[in-house]
């Protein structure tokens, strides 16, 4: 497993950084991720800023961050935590057999959380310890099932705290599209299989093409086209792992114009061919 939390969710859709320690007396970070993050605190007191609101952090807390959600963490003294980061699309696919938990997960993923911090979640420490132990004994291509099982158990454990996360405010239980980048990613999720048309996006979102391109690159660090390619590759990887469809068929299904272009992009981004990728999983 990588030690960095700068996770490429195409190459590594699930990632655990277990018991990471920082001894800086004044530790701070301000960033966002393309993936979802469940962070458990063993040691450290401080606060976290999400959506211009501050929440206290103490040992035993579980912090929940949604994709692209800017968050600022400030800690005084030693900071020991475990960080579980994952591609929400991949987990959603893994939860298809669990209708209730899948619905609950989509709440955490897509709805605006009033409070992203749950105190007294020591059970998460046990789940992360068990997962870390299992991962050390398994080759990478067999680890995904363990991640899904851990997240399934964690989701079951925190479901009774739905009221704390949402605080009963129905008007806040809406798709988290409060900023333009979020609106764009939601539009892409609906249309990434289609031939990309920036003007169509502009018409649908009632924003200029220049503004869409500028604000997306500013917020996400990549172009809209690069993000769409990334999304198509995520889906292609899932289909290569779970179906017997040919690479050419998958290429068309996820939005690539032809099989040769798909294979070239796949090799450039992932460092292997679709055929070799399928043989590895």
Foldseek 3Di string as FASTA:
>chain_A
DDCDPQDDCLQPQKDKNAFDKDFPQKDKDKDFAQWKKKKAWQQWWWWKDWPNDIDTDGHQKIFTDEHLTIMMTITGGMTTMMMITGHLVVLLVVCPVPVVLSVLVCQSHFFQWPDRMDGNNCVLNVLSVVLVVVVVVDDPVPNPVSRSVSVSVVSVVCVVVPCVRRVPDPVRGDTPPPDLLSVLVVVCVVDLLEDDDLVVVCVVVVHDSVVSQVVNCVSPVDGSVVVSLSVLSSVLLVCLQPHPDDQQVSCNRSHHPGSVVNQVVCCVVNVDGSVVSSVVD
